[in-house]
C-alpha atoms as a PDB file:
ATOM      1  CA  MET A   1     -34.264  12.221  20.393  1.00  0.00           C
ATOM      2  CA  ALA A   2     -36.086   9.014  19.414  1.00  0.00           C
ATOM      3  CA  THR A   3     -36.701  10.360  15.898  1.00  0.00           C
ATOM      4  CA  MET A   4     -33.002  11.083  15.371  1.00  0.00           C
ATOM      5  CA  HIS A   5     -32.071   7.676  16.543  1.00  0.00           C
ATOM      6  CA  SER A   6     -34.595   6.174  14.103  1.00  0.00           C
ATOM      7  CA  GLN A   7     -33.159   8.234  11.235  1.00  0.00           C
ATOM      8  CA  GLU A   8     -29.543   7.213  12.159  1.00  0.00           C
ATOM      9  CA  HIS A   9     -30.670   3.663  12.309  1.00  0.00           C
ATOM     10  CA  SER A  10     -32.256   3.643   8.939  1.00  0.00           C
ATOM     11  CA  GLN A  11     -29.511   5.446   7.359  1.00  0.00           C
ATOM     12  CA  GLY A  12     -27.134   2.928   8.653  1.00  0.00           C
ATOM     13  CA  HIS A  13     -28.494   0.333   6.263  1.00  0.00           C
ATOM     14  CA  ASP A  14     -27.253   2.484   3.348  1.00  0.00           C
ATOM     15  CA  ARG A  15     -23.712   2.741   4.703  1.00  0.00           C
ATOM     16  CA  PRO A  16     -20.909   0.713   3.102  1.00  0.00           C
ATOM     17  CA  VAL A  17     -20.020  -2.604   4.624  1.00  0.00           C
ATOM     18  CA  LEU A  18     -16.457  -3.533   5.535  1.00  0.00           C
ATOM     19  CA  VAL A  19     -15.342  -6.940   4.083  1.00  0.00           C
ATOM     20  CA  ASP A  20     -11.937  -8.684   4.495  1.00  0.00           C
ATOM     21  CA  LEU A  21     -10.144  -9.513   1.323  1.00  0.00           C
ATOM     22  CA  ASP A  22      -8.263 -12.862   0.706  1.00  0.00           C
ATOM     23  CA  GLU A  23      -4.620 -12.594  -0.141  1.00  0.00           C
ATOM     24  CA  SER A  24      -4.922 -13.282  -3.953  1.00  0.00           C
ATOM     25  CA  THR A  25      -7.494 -10.378  -4.286  1.00  0.00           C
ATOM     26  CA  CYS A  26      -5.087  -8.202  -2.340  1.00  0.00           C
ATOM     27  CA  TRP A  27      -2.321  -8.912  -4.965  1.00  0.00           C
ATOM     28  CA  GLU A  28      -4.716  -8.307  -7.880  1.00  0.00           C
ATOM     29  CA  LEU A  29      -5.845  -4.962  -6.404  1.00  0.00           C
ATOM     30  CA  MET A  30      -2.258  -3.809  -5.693  1.00  0.00           C
ATOM     31  CA  ALA A  31      -1.343  -4.608  -9.297  1.00  0.00           C
ATOM     32  CA  THR A  32      -4.020  -2.060 -10.490  1.00  0.00           C
ATOM     33  CA  VAL A  33      -2.907   1.001  -8.730  1.00  0.00           C
ATOM     34  CA  GLY A  34       0.862   1.521  -8.960  1.00  0.00           C
ATOM     35  CA  ILE A  35       1.226   3.789  -5.928  1.00  0.00           C
ATOM     36  CA  GLY A  36       1.510   3.024  -2.199  1.00  0.00           C
ATOM     37  CA  ARG A  37       3.045   4.434   0.959  1.00  0.00           C
ATOM     38  CA  LEU A  38       6.148   2.574   2.276  1.00  0.00           C
ATOM     39  CA  VAL A  39       6.416   2.746   6.047  1.00  0.00           C
ATOM     40  CA  TRP A  40       9.476   2.141   8.226  1.00  0.00           C
ATOM     41  CA  VAL A  41      10.732   3.278  11.642  1.00  0.00           C
ATOM     42  CA  ASP A  42      13.791   5.393  11.919  1.00  0.00           C
ATOM     43  CA  ALA A  43      15.453   7.132  15.016  1.00  0.00           C
ATOM     44  CA  ASP A  44      12.540   9.718  15.200  1.00  0.00           C
ATOM     45  CA  GLY A  45       9.711   7.235  14.844  1.00  0.00           C
ATOM     46  CA  PRO A  46       7.523   6.024  11.943  1.00  0.00           C
ATOM     47  CA  VAL A  47       8.079   7.328   8.516  1.00  0.00           C
ATOM     48  CA  ALA A  48       5.585   6.980   5.582  1.00  0.00           C
ATOM     49  CA  VAL A  49       6.667   7.849   1.973  1.00  0.00           C
ATOM     50  CA  PRO A  50       4.580   7.612  -1.165  1.00  0.00           C
ATOM     51  CA  VAL A  51       6.239   5.443  -3.777  1.00  0.00           C
ATOM     52  CA  ASN A  52       5.564   4.013  -7.183  1.00  0.00           C
ATOM     53  CA  ILE A  53       5.280   0.319  -6.970  1.00  0.00           C
ATOM     54  CA  ALA A  54       5.153  -2.737  -9.166  1.00  0.00           C
ATOM     55  CA  VAL A  55       4.007  -6.155  -8.206  1.00  0.00           C
ATOM     56  CA  SER A  56       6.240  -9.021  -9.289  1.00  0.00           C
ATOM     57  CA  ASP A  57       6.564 -12.677  -8.462  1.00  0.00           C
ATOM     58  CA  GLY A  58       5.058 -12.419  -4.945  1.00  0.00           C
ATOM     59  CA  ALA A  59       6.983  -9.193  -4.059  1.00  0.00           C
ATOM     60  CA  VAL A  60       6.592  -5.430  -4.269  1.00  0.00           C
ATOM     61  CA  VAL A  61       9.187  -3.531  -6.173  1.00  0.00           C
ATOM     62  CA  ILE A  62      10.092   0.164  -5.592  1.00  0.00           C
ATOM     63  CA  ARG A  63      12.840   2.188  -7.344  1.00  0.00           C
ATOM     64  CA  THR A  64      14.572   4.972  -5.371  1.00  0.00           C
ATOM     65  CA  ALA A  65      17.646   7.184  -5.385  1.00  0.00           C
ATOM     66  CA  ALA A  66      20.732   5.418  -3.925  1.00  0.00           C
ATOM     67  CA  TYR A  67      21.289   8.403  -1.560  1.00  0.00           C
ATOM     68  CA  SER A  68      17.649   8.477  -0.228  1.00  0.00           C
ATOM     69  CA  ALA A  69      16.694   7.942   3.271  1.00  0.00           C
ATOM     70  CA  MET A  70      14.757   4.879   2.184  1.00  0.00           C
ATOM     71  CA  ALA A  71      17.796   3.265   0.501  1.00  0.00           C
ATOM     72  CA  ARG A  72      19.890   4.042   3.627  1.00  0.00           C
ATOM     73  CA  GLU A  73      17.306   2.875   6.283  1.00  0.00           C
ATOM     74  CA  VAL A  74      15.134  -0.023   4.941  1.00  0.00           C
ATOM     75  CA  ASP A  75      17.572  -2.646   3.968  1.00  0.00           C
ATOM     76  CA  ASP A  76      17.099  -5.833   5.802  1.00  0.00           C
ATOM     77  CA  SER A  77      14.429  -4.080   7.823  1.00  0.00           C
ATOM     78  CA  ARG A  78      10.727  -4.858   8.685  1.00  0.00           C
ATOM     79  CA  VAL A  79       8.692  -2.540   6.708  1.00  0.00           C
ATOM     80  CA  ALA A  80       4.977  -2.025   5.752  1.00  0.00           C
ATOM     81  CA  LEU A  81       3.314  -0.980   2.486  1.00  0.00           C
ATOM     82  CA  GLU A  82      -0.255   0.434   2.396  1.00  0.00           C
ATOM     83  CA  VAL A  83      -2.016   0.626  -0.986  1.00  0.00           C
ATOM     84  CA  ASP A  84      -5.536   1.799  -1.472  1.00  0.00           C
ATOM     85  CA  ASP A  85      -8.130   3.197  -3.852  1.00  0.00           C
ATOM     86  CA  LEU A  86     -11.135   5.212  -2.654  1.00  0.00           C
ATOM     87  CA  ASP A  87     -14.254   6.748  -4.093  1.00  0.00           C
ATOM     88  CA  HIS A  88     -15.118   9.670  -1.844  1.00  0.00           C
ATOM     89  CA  GLU A  89     -18.588  10.031  -3.616  1.00  0.00           C
ATOM     90  CA  THR A  90     -19.792   6.628  -2.938  1.00  0.00           C
ATOM     91  CA  ARG A  91     -17.607   6.111   0.356  1.00  0.00           C
ATOM     92  CA  THR A  92     -16.339   2.799  -1.102  1.00  0.00           C
ATOM     93  CA  GLY A  93     -12.905   1.395  -1.844  1.00  0.00           C
ATOM     94  CA  TRP A  94     -10.241  -0.962  -0.582  1.00  0.00           C
ATOM     95  CA  SER A  95      -6.941  -0.966   1.411  1.00  0.00           C
ATOM     96  CA  VAL A  96      -4.177  -3.475   1.374  1.00  0.00           C
ATOM     97  CA  LEU A  97      -1.461  -3.722   3.930  1.00  0.00           C
ATOM     98  CA  VAL A  98       1.757  -5.702   3.158  1.00  0.00           C
ATOM     99  CA  ARG A  99       4.217  -6.333   6.004  1.00  0.00           C
ATOM    100  CA  GLY A 100       7.613  -8.005   5.416  1.00  0.00           C
ATOM    101  CA  VAL A 101      11.339  -7.423   5.029  1.00  0.00           C
ATOM    102  CA  ALA A 102      12.837  -5.056   2.521  1.00  0.00           C
ATOM    103  CA  ARG A 103      16.018  -5.692   0.650  1.00  0.00           C
ATOM    104  CA  VAL A 104      17.936  -2.891  -1.185  1.00  0.00           C
ATOM    105  CA  LEU A 105      19.877  -3.632  -4.163  1.00  0.00           C
ATOM    106  CA  PHE A 106      22.019  -1.203  -6.128  1.00  0.00           C
ATOM    107  CA  GLU A 107      21.505  -2.338  -9.684  1.00  0.00           C
ATOM    108  CA  PRO A 108      20.305  -1.219 -13.129  1.00  0.00           C
ATOM    109  CA  ALA A 109      16.448  -1.179 -13.078  1.00  0.00           C
ATOM    110  CA  PRO A 110      15.224  -4.694 -13.262  1.00  0.00           C
ATOM    111  CA  GLU A 111      12.565  -5.610 -15.903  1.00  0.00           C
ATOM    112  CA  ASP A 112       9.926  -5.646 -13.138  1.00  0.00           C
ATOM    113  CA  ALA A 113      10.700  -2.215 -11.704  1.00  0.00           C
ATOM    114  CA  PRO A 114       8.126   0.550 -11.775  1.00  0.00           C
ATOM    115  CA  THR A 115       8.795   3.786 -13.459  1.00  0.00           C
ATOM    116  CA  ALA A 116       9.120   6.422 -10.799  1.00  0.00           C
ATOM    117  CA  TRP A 117       7.335   9.661 -11.283  1.00  0.00           C
ATOM    118  CA  PRO A 118       9.848  12.037  -9.991  1.00  0.00           C
ATOM    119  CA  THR A 119      12.915  12.923 -12.141  1.00  0.00           C
ATOM    120  CA  GLY A 120      16.362  11.903 -11.109  1.00  0.00           C
ATOM    121  CA  SER A 121      18.479   8.856 -10.849  1.00  0.00           C
ATOM    122  CA  LYS A 122      16.773   5.925  -9.191  1.00  0.00           C
ATOM    123  CA  SER A 123      19.645   3.473  -9.088  1.00  0.00           C
ATOM    124  CA  ALA A 124      18.423   1.451  -6.040  1.00  0.00           C
ATOM    125  CA  THR A 125      15.784  -1.243  -5.993  1.00  0.00           C
ATOM    126  CA  VAL A 126      13.781  -1.959  -2.954  1.00  0.00           C
ATOM    127  CA  ARG A 127      12.199  -5.453  -2.906  1.00  0.00           C
ATOM    128  CA  LEU A 128       9.702  -6.088  -0.279  1.00  0.00           C
ATOM    129  CA  ARG A 129       9.084  -9.830   0.411  1.00  0.00           C
ATOM    130  CA  PRO A 130       6.014 -10.165   2.344  1.00  0.00           C
ATOM    131  CA  THR A 131       5.388 -12.092   5.536  1.00  0.00           C
ATOM    132  CA  LYS A 132       1.689 -11.031   5.683  1.00  0.00           C
ATOM    133  CA  VAL A 133      -0.751  -9.552   3.240  1.00  0.00           C
ATOM    134  CA  THR A 134      -4.030  -8.387   4.400  1.00  0.00           C
ATOM    135  CA  GLY A 135      -6.904  -6.202   2.950  1.00  0.00           C
ATOM    136  CA  ARG A 136     -10.401  -4.885   3.318  1.00  0.00           C
ATOM    137  CA  ARG A 137     -12.896  -3.483   0.962  1.00  0.00           C
ATOM    138  CA  LEU A 138     -15.527  -0.876   1.905  1.00  0.00           C
ATOM    139  CA  ALA A 139     -18.332  -2.197  -0.290  1.00  0.00           C
ATOM    140  CA  ALA A 140     -21.747  -0.717  -1.099  1.00  0.00           C
ATOM    141  CA  PRO A 141     -24.516  -2.242   0.890  1.00  0.00           C
ATOM    142  CA  ARG A 142     -26.506  -5.166  -0.677  1.00  0.00           C
END
């Protein structure tokens, strides 16, 4: 038993370290990925949907169909957006959580809108204005 504990202890030094990120780093990282998960609460509980995102002028921009559940349910609502990038081989990566209020606008795609991967009409723009942006990086040990 003592040997196993020693091995676990020595291996712990090789494990990644969790580091908090400042807000500007969070924005920089989000701009590199283009995909996140928008989260809101509907009558059945939390909903998480993968979305294409763009970062623009202190906001997150998402395009969706005007008839989508997202367009119907998130306007003027508190939502969260989670964005991450992970390397499973090295067990490193980062995660950013944006919390704020979503606004849905039915308009032609603004210049700062992302290109949605799925086909079909995306005539609604969801603009998330953050109230809090936090992030963490799982970094290789030094």
